[in-house]
Amino acid sequence: MNAHDNVGYTAANKECADYKAKGETILWTNRIFSGMPLFQTSYAIKSNLVGYVGAIFSFFSYEVNILIYLMVGMYFALLLFNLKSKSSIPISIAYGLTTWYLLSIEAGHNSKMFAIAYVPLLLGGMYHTYFTDNKKGLIAIGIGLALLIGTSHYQIVYYAIIMTVLLGIYALIEFVKSNKIADFAKRTGIILFVVAVSVGCNTTNLWTNSEYVKETMRGGNSELTKKEEGSPAKKSTGLDINYAYSWSYGIMESMNMIIPNLMGGGSNQEILTADSEIGKKYGQEEYIQLPTYWGEQPFTSGPTYIGGLIFIFFIFFLFFILFLNEVLIQKSHLNL
């Protein structure tokens, strides 16, 4: 697939690839900016053996591999959340085929997509460790977290931390209600030990990144300045908040998740049929291609569509489970 980021990576990695073809390893390239280390782009850390686990399902092209990893990761995560296999399969397929994932693959956001594929395994393992079985849950946490950090996509790692903290708070509340604080502390201690091991597997990656970020704009050490009209130049101390939020969905646009093309579709050339209103206006005989997006983002390839039917199923089963729990509670009272 002729993805934008893949083309950019191939160009940036050319110098490194040429040396690698001659059996040499370089850690610096002049092809990116005015020159920079290759730790963030092309340096392969062979000492992290967990990476070989992540290559188990790599049978096809990277685009197909990403979809497989998304589905397989979610499937095992749902099993760890104690769902049955028959229920986990269709949910995993729907998860892997979410439109936003396909758009990210089309853009070449490979490391991000692999990182997202490992997050469900981490969360499922954490839930399983607290509420079911230590061994399976801890294995899932260890593998999921080690592979997640190994992708070097720290934005997704950051989001994963938020979700694990929320899940940990939920577990704490449940254990407090059951008066099992000591058990919670024990399980949490084991989880933290596994987390430490998973982080340790990525020491080389984390250490080099920690050193490098201090010299970058994101680390607040950029010499670049942005001068506003009528005010003195101000040295950058990190990314501007408007830059960070440029691709954030607003409240209205978030409805794209259940209503496809609510904001028109993509910023690229969308195909509109001849019988569409625009097609009729321009008198096209077959079709017309125009950018149709009118949302607040700078540009987008399309909507983050999850599926209207999936959303309906979610609401239905949510009420079904709540109703079922109420029936079971009443039945247990009657038995008492």
Protein backbone atom coordinates (compact mmCIF):
# COMPACT_ATOMS: atom_id res chain seq x y z
CA MET A 1 0.00 0.00 0.00
CA ASN A 2 1.34 3.40 -1.00
CA ALA A 3 0.86 4.90 2.48
CA HIS A 4 2.24 8.39 3.11
CA ASP A 5 4.17 7.57 6.28
CA ASN A 6 5.62 4.39 4.75
CA VAL A 7 6.98 6.37 1.81
CA GLY A 8 8.49 8.92 4.22
CA TYR A 9 10.02 6.16 6.34
CA THR A 10 11.57 4.48 3.28
CA ALA A 11 13.21 7.76 2.29
CA ALA A 12 14.40 8.56 5.82
CA ASN A 13 15.74 5.02 6.29
CA LYS A 14 17.60 4.89 2.95
CA GLU A 15 21.03 5.71 4.38
CA CYS A 16 20.64 3.19 7.19
CA ALA A 17 19.40 0.52 4.76
CA ASP A 18 22.37 1.05 2.46
CA TYR A 19 24.82 0.52 5.31
CA LYS A 20 22.85 -2.48 6.56
CA ALA A 21 23.11 -4.06 3.10
CA LYS A 22 26.90 -3.84 3.51
CA GLY A 23 26.72 -5.47 6.94
CA GLU A 24 27.25 -2.24 8.89
CA THR A 25 25.09 -0.59 11.55
CA ILE A 26 24.92 3.19 11.86
CA LEU A 27 23.23 5.16 14.65
CA TRP A 28 23.09 8.56 12.95
CA THR A 29 21.54 9.76 9.70
CA ASN A 30 21.74 13.02 7.78
CA ARG A 31 18.54 12.34 5.85
CA ILE A 32 16.18 13.57 8.59
CA PHE A 33 16.12 17.28 9.47
CA SER A 34 19.74 18.45 9.87
CA GLY A 35 20.77 15.06 11.14
CA MET A 36 19.52 12.97 14.08
CA PRO A 37 20.04 9.65 15.86
CA LEU A 38 18.39 6.55 14.42
CA PHE A 39 17.14 5.28 17.79
CA GLN A 40 13.64 6.56 17.01
CA THR A 41 13.39 5.31 13.45
CA SER A 42 15.56 2.44 12.27
CA TYR A 43 17.50 0.97 15.18
CA ALA A 44 16.50 -2.67 15.81
CA ILE A 45 17.03 -3.83 19.40
CA LYS A 46 17.88 -7.52 19.09
CA SER A 47 18.35 -8.06 22.83
CA ASN A 48 14.60 -7.72 23.54
CA LEU A 49 13.50 -11.33 23.08
CA VAL A 50 9.83 -10.47 23.67
CA GLY A 51 9.82 -9.01 20.17
CA TYR A 52 9.98 -12.55 18.76
CA VAL A 53 6.67 -13.29 20.46
CA GLY A 54 5.15 -10.37 18.60
CA ALA A 55 6.23 -11.90 15.28
CA ILE A 56 4.24 -15.13 15.72
CA PHE A 57 1.31 -14.01 13.55
CA SER A 58 3.36 -12.15 10.93
CA PHE A 59 2.38 -14.27 7.93
CA PHE A 60 1.27 -11.63 5.45
CA SER A 61 1.92 -8.02 4.45
CA TYR A 62 2.04 -5.53 7.29
CA GLU A 63 -1.47 -4.21 6.45
CA VAL A 64 -3.01 -7.66 6.87
CA ASN A 65 -0.79 -8.44 9.87
CA ILE A 66 -2.10 -5.37 11.69
CA LEU A 67 -5.70 -6.49 11.18
CA ILE A 68 -4.84 -9.99 12.42
CA TYR A 69 -3.09 -8.59 15.50
CA LEU A 70 -6.05 -6.33 16.30
CA MET A 71 -8.50 -9.22 16.08
CA VAL A 72 -6.33 -11.80 17.85
CA GLY A 73 -5.40 -9.35 20.62
CA MET A 74 -9.04 -8.47 21.25
CA TYR A 75 -10.09 -12.15 21.07
CA PHE A 76 -7.70 -13.23 23.82
CA ALA A 77 -8.57 -10.14 25.84
CA LEU A 78 -12.28 -11.00 25.75
CA LEU A 79 -11.51 -14.55 26.87
CA LEU A 80 -9.59 -13.03 29.79
CA PHE A 81 -12.67 -10.93 30.55
CA ASN A 82 -14.44 -14.32 30.83
CA LEU A 83 -16.50 -14.06 27.65
CA LYS A 84 -17.16 -17.28 25.77
CA SER A 85 -15.31 -17.99 22.53
CA LYS A 86 -18.46 -17.85 20.38
CA SER A 87 -19.20 -14.34 21.63
CA SER A 88 -15.59 -13.19 21.39
CA ILE A 89 -15.10 -14.06 17.70
CA PRO A 90 -17.66 -11.66 16.11
CA ILE A 91 -16.72 -8.87 18.53
CA SER A 92 -13.03 -9.28 17.67
CA ILE A 93 -13.74 -9.18 13.94
CA ALA A 94 -15.85 -6.03 14.32
CA TYR A 95 -13.13 -4.44 16.45
CA GLY A 96 -10.42 -5.16 13.88
CA LEU A 97 -12.51 -3.76 11.02
CA THR A 98 -13.26 -0.42 12.69
CA THR A 99 -13.01 2.23 9.97
CA TRP A 100 -10.49 4.36 11.87
CA TYR A 101 -8.05 1.43 12.01
CA LEU A 102 -8.32 0.97 8.26
CA LEU A 103 -7.72 4.70 7.76
CA SER A 104 -4.67 4.57 10.04
CA ILE A 105 -3.26 1.65 8.05
CA GLU A 106 -3.87 3.61 4.85
CA ALA A 107 -1.90 6.51 6.37
CA GLY A 108 0.98 4.19 7.35
CA HIS A 109 0.61 4.58 11.14
CA ASN A 110 2.03 1.10 11.70
CA SER A 111 3.59 1.42 15.16
CA LYS A 112 0.45 3.06 16.49
CA MET A 113 -1.75 0.26 15.20
CA PHE A 114 0.46 -2.50 16.61
CA ALA A 115 0.47 -0.64 19.95
CA ILE A 116 -3.33 -0.47 19.94
CA ALA A 117 -3.49 -4.20 19.21
CA TYR A 118 -1.57 -4.98 22.43
CA VAL A 119 -3.62 -2.75 24.77
CA PRO A 120 -6.67 -5.09 25.07
CA LEU A 121 -4.37 -7.96 26.06
CA LEU A 122 -2.89 -5.82 28.85
CA LEU A 123 -6.33 -4.79 30.16
CA GLY A 124 -7.74 -8.30 29.88
CA GLY A 125 -4.76 -9.70 31.76
CA MET A 126 -5.17 -7.14 34.52
CA TYR A 127 -8.86 -7.94 34.93
CA HIS A 128 -8.17 -11.69 34.91
CA THR A 129 -5.45 -11.34 37.54
CA TYR A 130 -7.72 -9.44 39.90
CA PHE A 131 -10.95 -11.40 39.45
CA THR A 132 -10.14 -14.87 38.10
CA ASP A 133 -6.71 -16.44 37.85
CA ASN A 134 -3.23 -15.10 38.55
CA LYS A 135 -1.16 -17.15 36.10
CA LYS A 136 -2.99 -16.51 32.80
CA GLY A 137 -3.61 -12.89 33.66
CA LEU A 138 0.01 -12.19 34.59
CA ILE A 139 1.29 -13.81 31.39
CA ALA A 140 -1.07 -11.59 29.37
CA ILE A 141 0.07 -8.47 31.26
CA GLY A 142 3.73 -9.31 30.79
CA ILE A 143 3.53 -10.05 27.07
CA GLY A 144 1.00 -7.30 26.28
CA LEU A 145 2.88 -4.54 28.11
CA ALA A 146 6.34 -5.58 26.89
CA LEU A 147 5.14 -5.59 23.27
CA LEU A 148 3.22 -2.34 23.76
CA ILE A 149 6.27 -0.45 25.05
CA GLY A 150 8.39 -2.11 22.36
CA THR A 151 6.40 -0.35 19.63
CA SER A 152 7.86 2.97 20.86
CA HIS A 153 4.49 4.67 20.42
CA TYR A 154 4.33 6.38 23.80
CA GLN A 155 1.10 8.21 23.10
CA ILE A 156 -0.76 4.87 23.12
CA VAL A 157 1.25 3.78 26.17
CA TYR A 158 0.03 6.94 27.91
CA TYR A 159 -3.60 6.15 27.08
CA ALA A 160 -3.09 2.55 28.25
CA ILE A 161 -1.78 3.81 31.61
CA ILE A 162 -4.95 5.87 32.07
CA MET A 163 -7.13 2.83 31.37
CA THR A 164 -5.16 0.54 33.68
CA VAL A 165 -5.39 3.09 36.50
CA LEU A 166 -9.17 3.28 36.05
CA LEU A 167 -9.40 -0.51 36.00
CA GLY A 168 -7.26 -0.67 39.14
CA ILE A 169 -9.59 1.80 40.91
CA TYR A 170 -12.57 -0.36 39.93
CA ALA A 171 -10.83 -3.46 41.29
CA LEU A 172 -10.00 -1.64 44.54
CA ILE A 173 -13.65 -0.66 45.02
CA GLU A 174 -14.80 -4.25 44.43
CA PHE A 175 -12.24 -5.70 46.84
CA VAL A 176 -13.11 -3.10 49.50
CA LYS A 177 -16.79 -4.01 49.15
CA SER A 178 -15.85 -7.68 49.62
CA ASN A 179 -13.56 -6.83 52.56
CA LYS A 180 -10.53 -8.37 50.80
CA ILE A 181 -8.00 -5.55 51.02
CA ALA A 182 -5.09 -7.91 51.76
CA ASP A 183 -5.90 -9.97 48.66
CA PHE A 184 -6.05 -6.80 46.53
CA ALA A 185 -2.66 -5.67 47.86
CA LYS A 186 -1.13 -9.07 47.10
CA ARG A 187 -2.45 -9.18 43.54
CA THR A 188 -1.43 -5.56 42.93
CA GLY A 189 2.08 -6.28 44.16
CA ILE A 190 2.43 -9.21 41.76
CA ILE A 191 1.10 -7.08 38.90
CA LEU A 192 3.62 -4.32 39.65
CA PHE A 193 6.43 -6.88 39.64
CA VAL A 194 5.38 -8.14 36.18
CA VAL A 195 5.10 -4.53 35.00
CA ALA A 196 8.67 -3.88 36.18
CA VAL A 197 9.90 -6.91 34.23
CA SER A 198 8.04 -5.79 31.09
CA VAL A 199 9.51 -2.30 31.38
CA GLY A 200 12.95 -3.83 31.96
CA CYS A 201 12.69 -5.72 28.65
CA ASN A 202 12.57 -2.34 26.93
CA THR A 203 15.37 -0.65 28.90
CA THR A 204 17.47 0.12 25.80
CA ASN A 205 14.50 1.65 24.02
CA LEU A 206 13.34 3.71 26.98
CA TRP A 207 16.83 4.89 27.93
CA THR A 208 17.77 6.13 24.48
CA ASN A 209 14.39 7.82 24.10
CA SER A 210 14.76 9.51 27.49
CA GLU A 211 18.13 10.93 26.48
CA TYR A 212 17.01 12.01 23.02
CA VAL A 213 13.75 13.71 24.03
CA LYS A 214 15.69 16.26 26.10
CA GLU A 215 17.11 17.65 22.87
CA THR A 216 13.78 17.94 21.05
CA MET A 217 10.87 20.32 20.83
CA ARG A 218 8.70 17.85 22.75
CA GLY A 219 11.21 17.85 25.57
CA GLY A 220 11.17 21.64 25.76
CA ASN A 221 14.67 22.25 24.44
CA SER A 222 13.95 23.53 20.95
CA GLU A 223 15.70 26.66 19.65
CA LEU A 224 12.80 27.28 17.29
CA THR A 225 10.67 30.30 18.10
CA LYS A 226 7.24 31.43 17.08
CA LYS A 227 6.70 35.15 16.92
CA GLU A 228 3.16 36.43 17.18
CA GLU A 229 2.37 39.72 15.49
CA GLY A 230 3.02 42.61 17.85
CA SER A 231 4.75 40.50 20.51
CA PRO A 232 8.36 39.38 21.12
CA ALA A 233 9.55 35.95 19.97
CA LYS A 234 9.01 33.25 22.57
CA LYS A 235 11.17 30.17 22.84
CA SER A 236 9.25 26.91 22.62
CA THR A 237 9.02 24.81 25.77
CA GLY A 238 7.12 21.92 24.19
CA LEU A 239 4.30 21.27 21.78
CA ASP A 240 1.64 23.95 21.56
CA ILE A 241 -1.68 22.75 22.97
CA ASN A 242 -3.49 23.68 19.76
CA TYR A 243 -1.12 21.42 17.82
CA ALA A 244 -1.80 18.55 20.24
CA TYR A 245 -5.57 18.95 19.88
CA SER A 246 -5.63 19.53 16.11
CA TRP A 247 -6.95 16.07 15.33
CA SER A 248 -9.24 15.73 18.34
CA TYR A 249 -12.88 14.97 17.68
CA GLY A 250 -15.44 17.48 18.88
CA ILE A 251 -18.69 16.43 20.57
CA MET A 252 -20.73 16.51 17.38
CA GLU A 253 -18.12 14.83 15.20
CA SER A 254 -17.84 11.97 17.70
CA MET A 255 -21.23 10.82 16.41
CA ASN A 256 -19.26 9.61 13.36
CA MET A 257 -18.73 6.46 15.41
CA ILE A 258 -22.34 5.38 14.84
CA ILE A 259 -23.38 7.58 11.88
CA PRO A 260 -20.99 7.19 8.91
CA ASN A 261 -19.93 10.32 7.04
CA LEU A 262 -21.78 12.60 9.44
CA MET A 263 -19.20 15.29 8.64
CA GLY A 264 -19.08 14.48 4.96
CA GLY A 265 -16.38 11.81 4.72
CA GLY A 266 -12.77 12.55 3.82
CA SER A 267 -10.68 15.55 2.78
CA ASN A 268 -9.37 13.69 -0.25
CA GLN A 269 -11.26 13.09 -3.49
CA GLU A 270 -14.44 11.24 -2.49
CA ILE A 271 -16.40 9.52 -5.25
CA LEU A 272 -19.97 10.83 -5.57
CA THR A 273 -22.41 9.09 -7.87
CA ALA A 274 -24.11 10.81 -10.79
CA ASP A 275 -27.48 10.64 -9.04
CA SER A 276 -26.18 12.52 -5.97
CA GLU A 277 -27.24 16.15 -5.52
CA ILE A 278 -23.76 17.41 -6.48
CA GLY A 279 -23.61 14.99 -9.41
CA LYS A 280 -26.95 16.28 -10.69
CA LYS A 281 -25.84 19.89 -10.23
CA TYR A 282 -22.71 19.39 -12.33
CA GLY A 283 -24.46 17.12 -14.85
CA GLN A 284 -22.05 14.23 -14.48
CA GLU A 285 -22.92 11.10 -16.42
CA GLU A 286 -21.09 8.58 -14.17
CA TYR A 287 -19.51 10.07 -11.03
CA ILE A 288 -17.73 13.12 -9.64
CA GLN A 289 -14.75 13.32 -7.24
CA LEU A 290 -14.66 16.07 -4.62
CA PRO A 291 -13.39 16.56 -1.04
CA THR A 292 -16.47 16.22 1.18
CA TYR A 293 -15.18 16.72 4.75
CA TRP A 294 -16.48 19.79 6.58
CA GLY A 295 -15.48 19.06 10.20
CA GLU A 296 -13.03 20.90 12.48
CA GLN A 297 -9.89 18.82 11.85
CA PRO A 298 -7.20 20.13 9.47
CA PHE A 299 -7.86 17.13 7.21
CA THR A 300 -8.90 13.50 7.49
CA SER A 301 -9.14 10.43 5.29
CA GLY A 302 -12.56 9.53 6.63
CA PRO A 303 -14.78 9.01 9.69
CA THR A 304 -14.07 6.97 12.82
CA TYR A 305 -17.01 4.67 12.14
CA ILE A 306 -17.44 1.76 14.56
CA GLY A 307 -20.84 0.57 13.40
CA GLY A 308 -24.45 1.52 14.07
CA LEU A 309 -25.49 -2.11 14.48
CA ILE A 310 -22.63 -2.79 16.91
CA PHE A 311 -23.71 0.22 18.99
CA ILE A 312 -27.30 -1.08 19.08
CA PHE A 313 -26.05 -4.51 20.20
CA PHE A 314 -23.96 -2.83 22.91
CA ILE A 315 -26.97 -0.95 24.33
CA PHE A 316 -29.18 -4.06 24.11
CA PHE A 317 -26.74 -6.35 25.90
CA LEU A 318 -25.91 -3.67 28.48
CA PHE A 319 -29.55 -3.56 29.58
CA PHE A 320 -29.82 -7.34 29.22
CA ILE A 321 -26.87 -7.90 31.57
CA LEU A 322 -28.20 -5.36 34.09
CA PHE A 323 -31.60 -7.03 34.00
CA LEU A 324 -30.04 -10.48 34.34
CA ASN A 325 -27.98 -9.37 37.34
CA GLU A 326 -31.10 -7.95 39.00
CA VAL A 327 -32.93 -11.26 38.47
CA LEU A 328 -30.01 -13.23 39.93
CA ILE A 329 -29.83 -10.91 42.97
CA GLN A 330 -33.57 -11.31 43.62
CA LYS A 331 -33.28 -15.08 43.21
CA SER A 332 -30.41 -15.27 45.69
CA HIS A 333 -32.50 -13.31 48.23
CA LEU A 334 -35.39 -15.71 47.75
CA ASN A 335 -33.11 -18.68 48.28
CA LEU A 336 -31.88 -17.13 51.53
